[in-house]
Amino acid sequence: MFNPQMMPLNWLTLLMYFSMVFMLFNMMNYFCILYHPKMSHYQIKNIKYSWKW
């Protein structure tokens, strides 16, 4: 079916294909997850002091 001289070309295309699919999968996982932190726990309390001298 395939002659031996053409096998490295097929392996190279397979490697390129799977590496591109792997990179696409990783990018989709990294950029599609939206993280929204809750800001209610991290509010800064402003305390006003009234000094009576």
PDB file of N, CA and C in Angstrom:
ATOM      1  N   MET A   1       0.822  -1.189   0.000  1.00  0.00           N
ATOM      2  CA  MET A   1       0.000   0.000   0.000  1.00  0.00           C
ATOM      3  C   MET A   1       0.868   1.255   0.000  1.00  0.00           C
ATOM      4  N   PHE A   2       1.736   1.416   1.013  1.00  0.00           N
ATOM      5  CA  PHE A   2       2.681   2.530   1.035  1.00  0.00           C
ATOM      6  C   PHE A   2       4.082   1.994   0.810  1.00  0.00           C
ATOM      7  N   ASN A   3       4.800   2.689   0.024  1.00  0.00           N
ATOM      8  CA  ASN A   3       6.194   2.280  -0.117  1.00  0.00           C
ATOM      9  C   ASN A   3       6.995   2.843   1.059  1.00  0.00           C
ATOM     10  N   PRO A   4       8.106   2.235   1.406  1.00  0.00           N
ATOM     11  CA  PRO A   4       8.852   2.648   2.613  1.00  0.00           C
ATOM     12  C   PRO A   4       9.428   4.063   2.522  1.00  0.00           C
ATOM     13  N   GLN A   5       9.630   4.586   1.325  1.00  0.00           N
ATOM     14  CA  GLN A   5      10.178   5.929   1.222  1.00  0.00           C
ATOM     15  C   GLN A   5       9.163   6.998   1.641  1.00  0.00           C
ATOM     16  N   MET A   6       7.888   6.671   1.589  1.00  0.00           N
ATOM     17  CA  MET A   6       6.868   7.661   1.921  1.00  0.00           C
ATOM     18  C   MET A   6       6.452   7.617   3.394  1.00  0.00           C
ATOM     19  N   MET A   7       6.925   6.648   4.138  1.00  0.00           N
ATOM     20  CA  MET A   7       6.493   6.532   5.527  1.00  0.00           C
ATOM     21  C   MET A   7       6.931   7.701   6.413  1.00  0.00           C
ATOM     22  N   PRO A   8       8.122   8.254   6.289  1.00  0.00           N
ATOM     23  CA  PRO A   8       8.454   9.402   7.141  1.00  0.00           C
ATOM     24  C   PRO A   8       7.552  10.609   6.901  1.00  0.00           C
ATOM     25  N   LEU A   9       7.111  10.787   5.688  1.00  0.00           N
ATOM     26  CA  LEU A   9       6.195  11.883   5.402  1.00  0.00           C
ATOM     27  C   LEU A   9       4.861  11.665   6.107  1.00  0.00           C
ATOM     28  N   ASN A  10       4.391  10.450   6.126  1.00  0.00           N
ATOM     29  CA  ASN A  10       3.131  10.166   6.812  1.00  0.00           C
ATOM     30  C   ASN A  10       3.272  10.346   8.326  1.00  0.00           C
ATOM     31  N   TRP A  11       4.403   9.913   8.881  1.00  0.00           N
ATOM     32  CA  TRP A  11       4.615  10.108  10.314  1.00  0.00           C
ATOM     33  C   TRP A  11       4.717  11.586  10.655  1.00  0.00           C
ATOM     34  N   LEU A  12       5.324  12.347   9.783  1.00  0.00           N
ATOM     35  CA  LEU A  12       5.452  13.780  10.030  1.00  0.00           C
ATOM     36  C   LEU A  12       4.094  14.471   9.984  1.00  0.00           C
ATOM     37  N   THR A  13       3.268  14.095   9.039  1.00  0.00           N
ATOM     38  CA  THR A  13       1.930  14.707   8.987  1.00  0.00           C
ATOM     39  C   THR A  13       1.094  14.298  10.194  1.00  0.00           C
ATOM     40  N   LEU A  14       1.233  13.073  10.634  1.00  0.00           N
ATOM     41  CA  LEU A  14       0.515  12.638  11.836  1.00  0.00           C
ATOM     42  C   LEU A  14       0.985  13.404  13.066  1.00  0.00           C
ATOM     43  N   LEU A  15       2.281  13.574  13.178  1.00  0.00           N
ATOM     44  CA  LEU A  15       2.820  14.320  14.310  1.00  0.00           C
ATOM     45  C   LEU A  15       2.330  15.766  14.288  1.00  0.00           C
ATOM     46  N   MET A  16       2.352  16.375  13.151  1.00  0.00           N
ATOM     47  CA  MET A  16       1.872  17.757  13.047  1.00  0.00           C
ATOM     48  C   MET A  16       0.384  17.845  13.359  1.00  0.00           C
ATOM     49  N   TYR A  17      -0.381  16.910  12.863  1.00  0.00           N
ATOM     50  CA  TYR A  17      -1.815  16.915  13.114  1.00  0.00           C
ATOM     51  C   TYR A  17      -2.121  16.774  14.599  1.00  0.00           C
ATOM     52  N   PHE A  18      -1.522  15.797  15.261  1.00  0.00           N
ATOM     53  CA  PHE A  18      -1.807  15.582  16.674  1.00  0.00           C
ATOM     54  C   PHE A  18      -1.262  16.698  17.545  1.00  0.00           C
ATOM     55  N   SER A  19      -0.155  17.282  17.175  1.00  0.00           N
ATOM     56  CA  SER A  19       0.354  18.402  17.962  1.00  0.00           C
ATOM     57  C   SER A  19      -0.544  19.623  17.823  1.00  0.00           C
ATOM     58  N   MET A  20      -1.073  19.855  16.624  1.00  0.00           N
ATOM     59  CA  MET A  20      -1.998  20.971  16.452  1.00  0.00           C
ATOM     60  C   MET A  20      -3.302  20.742  17.225  1.00  0.00           C
ATOM     61  N   VAL A  21      -3.793  19.521  17.216  1.00  0.00           N
ATOM     62  CA  VAL A  21      -5.000  19.213  17.984  1.00  0.00           C
ATOM     63  C   VAL A  21      -4.739  19.376  19.475  1.00  0.00           C
ATOM     64  N   PHE A  22      -3.594  18.960  19.931  1.00  0.00           N
ATOM     65  CA  PHE A  22      -3.227  19.102  21.338  1.00  0.00           C
ATOM     66  C   PHE A  22      -3.138  20.568  21.738  1.00  0.00           C
ATOM     67  N   MET A  23      -2.497  21.375  20.910  1.00  0.00           N
ATOM     68  CA  MET A  23      -2.384  22.802  21.209  1.00  0.00           C
ATOM     69  C   MET A  23      -3.749  23.487  21.183  1.00  0.00           C
ATOM     70  N   LEU A  24      -4.583  23.115  20.257  1.00  0.00           N
ATOM     71  CA  LEU A  24      -5.924  23.687  20.189  1.00  0.00           C
ATOM     72  C   LEU A  24      -6.744  23.319  21.417  1.00  0.00           C
ATOM     73  N   PHE A  25      -6.649  22.090  21.828  1.00  0.00           N
ATOM     74  CA  PHE A  25      -7.352  21.633  23.024  1.00  0.00           C
ATOM     75  C   PHE A  25      -6.892  22.391  24.261  1.00  0.00           C
ATOM     76  N   ASN A  26      -5.580  22.581  24.395  1.00  0.00           N
ATOM     77  CA  ASN A  26      -5.064  23.306  25.554  1.00  0.00           C
ATOM     78  C   ASN A  26      -5.476  24.770  25.535  1.00  0.00           C
ATOM     79  N   MET A  27      -5.463  25.382  24.372  1.00  0.00           N
ATOM     80  CA  MET A  27      -5.876  26.781  24.289  1.00  0.00           C
ATOM     81  C   MET A  27      -7.358  26.942  24.599  1.00  0.00           C
ATOM     82  N   MET A  28      -8.160  26.007  24.132  1.00  0.00           N
ATOM     83  CA  MET A  28      -9.588  26.092  24.430  1.00  0.00           C
ATOM     84  C   MET A  28      -9.836  25.935  25.933  1.00  0.00           C
ATOM     85  N   ASN A  29      -9.117  25.049  26.577  1.00  0.00           N
ATOM     86  CA  ASN A  29      -9.293  24.866  28.014  1.00  0.00           C
ATOM     87  C   ASN A  29      -8.790  26.068  28.798  1.00  0.00           C
ATOM     88  N   TYR A  30      -7.725  26.677  28.310  1.00  0.00           N
ATOM     89  CA  TYR A  30      -7.146  27.794  29.057  1.00  0.00           C
ATOM     90  C   TYR A  30      -7.975  29.063  28.906  1.00  0.00           C
ATOM     91  N   PHE A  31      -8.427  29.367  27.716  1.00  0.00           N
ATOM     92  CA  PHE A  31      -9.080  30.640  27.466  1.00  0.00           C
ATOM     93  C   PHE A  31     -10.595  30.607  27.622  1.00  0.00           C
ATOM     94  N   CYS A  32     -11.204  29.454  27.674  1.00  0.00           N
ATOM     95  CA  CYS A  32     -12.669  29.408  27.745  1.00  0.00           C
ATOM     96  C   CYS A  32     -13.187  29.376  29.173  1.00  0.00           C
ATOM     97  N   ILE A  33     -12.345  29.092  30.133  1.00  0.00           N
ATOM     98  CA  ILE A  33     -12.803  29.077  31.519  1.00  0.00           C
ATOM     99  C   ILE A  33     -12.713  30.500  32.058  1.00  0.00           C
ATOM    100  N   LEU A  34     -13.848  31.042  32.452  1.00  0.00           N
ATOM    101  CA  LEU A  34     -13.889  32.399  32.984  1.00  0.00           C
ATOM    102  C   LEU A  34     -13.959  32.322  34.500  1.00  0.00           C
ATOM    103  N   TYR A  35     -13.029  32.984  35.129  1.00  0.00           N
ATOM    104  CA  TYR A  35     -12.960  32.969  36.581  1.00  0.00           C
ATOM    105  C   TYR A  35     -13.419  34.330  37.091  1.00  0.00           C
ATOM    106  N   HIS A  36     -14.475  34.311  37.902  1.00  0.00           N
ATOM    107  CA  HIS A  36     -14.992  35.545  38.481  1.00  0.00           C
ATOM    108  C   HIS A  36     -14.814  35.469  40.001  1.00  0.00           C
ATOM    109  N   PRO A  37     -13.836  36.166  40.520  1.00  0.00           N
ATOM    110  CA  PRO A  37     -13.657  36.109  41.980  1.00  0.00           C
ATOM    111  C   PRO A  37     -14.749  36.893  42.705  1.00  0.00           C
ATOM    112  N   LYS A  38     -15.075  36.441  43.870  1.00  0.00           N
ATOM    113  CA  LYS A  38     -16.092  37.124  44.668  1.00  0.00           C
ATOM    114  C   LYS A  38     -15.411  38.276  45.415  1.00  0.00           C
ATOM    115  N   MET A  39     -15.909  39.459  45.190  1.00  0.00           N
ATOM    116  CA  MET A  39     -15.287  40.631  45.799  1.00  0.00           C
ATOM    117  C   MET A  39     -15.904  40.988  47.150  1.00  0.00           C
ATOM    118  N   SER A  40     -16.918  40.284  47.567  1.00  0.00           N
ATOM    119  CA  SER A  40     -17.579  40.636  48.826  1.00  0.00           C
ATOM    120  C   SER A  40     -16.692  40.337  50.035  1.00  0.00           C
ATOM    121  N   HIS A  41     -15.796  39.387  49.918  1.00  0.00           N
ATOM    122  CA  HIS A  41     -14.938  39.030  51.038  1.00  0.00           C
ATOM    123  C   HIS A  41     -13.747  39.958  51.173  1.00  0.00           C
ATOM    124  N   TYR A  42     -13.454  40.727  50.155  1.00  0.00           N
ATOM    125  CA  TYR A  42     -12.233  41.512  50.146  1.00  0.00           C
ATOM    126  C   TYR A  42     -12.505  43.013  50.154  1.00  0.00           C
ATOM    127  N   GLN A  43     -13.590  43.435  50.746  1.00  0.00           N
ATOM    128  CA  GLN A  43     -13.868  44.860  50.813  1.00  0.00           C
ATOM    129  C   GLN A  43     -13.047  45.504  51.920  1.00  0.00           C
ATOM    130  N   ILE A  44     -12.536  46.660  51.608  1.00  0.00           N
ATOM    131  CA  ILE A  44     -11.717  47.386  52.569  1.00  0.00           C
ATOM    132  C   ILE A  44     -12.630  48.261  53.416  1.00  0.00           C
ATOM    133  N   LYS A  45     -12.472  48.163  54.713  1.00  0.00           N
ATOM    134  CA  LYS A  45     -13.303  48.953  55.612  1.00  0.00           C
ATOM    135  C   LYS A  45     -12.617  50.291  55.865  1.00  0.00           C
ATOM    136  N   ASN A  46     -13.332  51.350  55.595  1.00  0.00           N
ATOM    137  CA  ASN A  46     -12.820  52.688  55.868  1.00  0.00           C
ATOM    138  C   ASN A  46     -13.338  53.144  57.221  1.00  0.00           C
ATOM    139  N   ILE A  47     -12.420  53.343  58.135  1.00  0.00           N
ATOM    140  CA  ILE A  47     -12.789  53.782  59.473  1.00  0.00           C
ATOM    141  C   ILE A  47     -12.369  55.244  59.600  1.00  0.00           C
ATOM    142  N   LYS A  48     -13.341  56.092  59.867  1.00  0.00           N
ATOM    143  CA  LYS A  48     -13.052  57.512  60.035  1.00  0.00           C
ATOM    144  C   LYS A  48     -12.965  57.817  61.529  1.00  0.00           C
ATOM    145  N   TYR A  49     -11.845  58.395  61.882  1.00  0.00           N
ATOM    146  CA  TYR A  49     -11.645  58.782  63.272  1.00  0.00           C
ATOM    147  C   TYR A  49     -11.946  60.261  63.416  1.00  0.00           C
ATOM    148  N   SER A  50     -12.636  60.602  64.465  1.00  0.00           N
ATOM    149  CA  SER A  50     -12.861  62.011  64.759  1.00  0.00           C
ATOM    150  C   SER A  50     -12.135  62.327  66.065  1.00  0.00           C
ATOM    151  N   TRP A  51     -11.011  62.985  65.926  1.00  0.00           N
ATOM    152  CA  TRP A  51     -10.187  63.309  67.089  1.00  0.00           C
ATOM    153  C   TRP A  51     -10.694  64.601  67.707  1.00  0.00           C
ATOM    154  N   LYS A  52     -10.861  64.589  69.008  1.00  0.00           N
ATOM    155  CA  LYS A  52     -11.324  65.779  69.721  1.00  0.00           C
ATOM    156  C   LYS A  52     -10.173  66.268  70.587  1.00  0.00           C
ATOM    157  N   TRP A  53      -9.517  67.300  70.130  1.00  0.00           N
ATOM    158  CA  TRP A  53      -8.345  67.811  70.856  1.00  0.00           C
ATOM    159  C   TRP A  53      -8.772  68.877  71.814  1.00  0.00           C
TER     160      TRP A  53
END
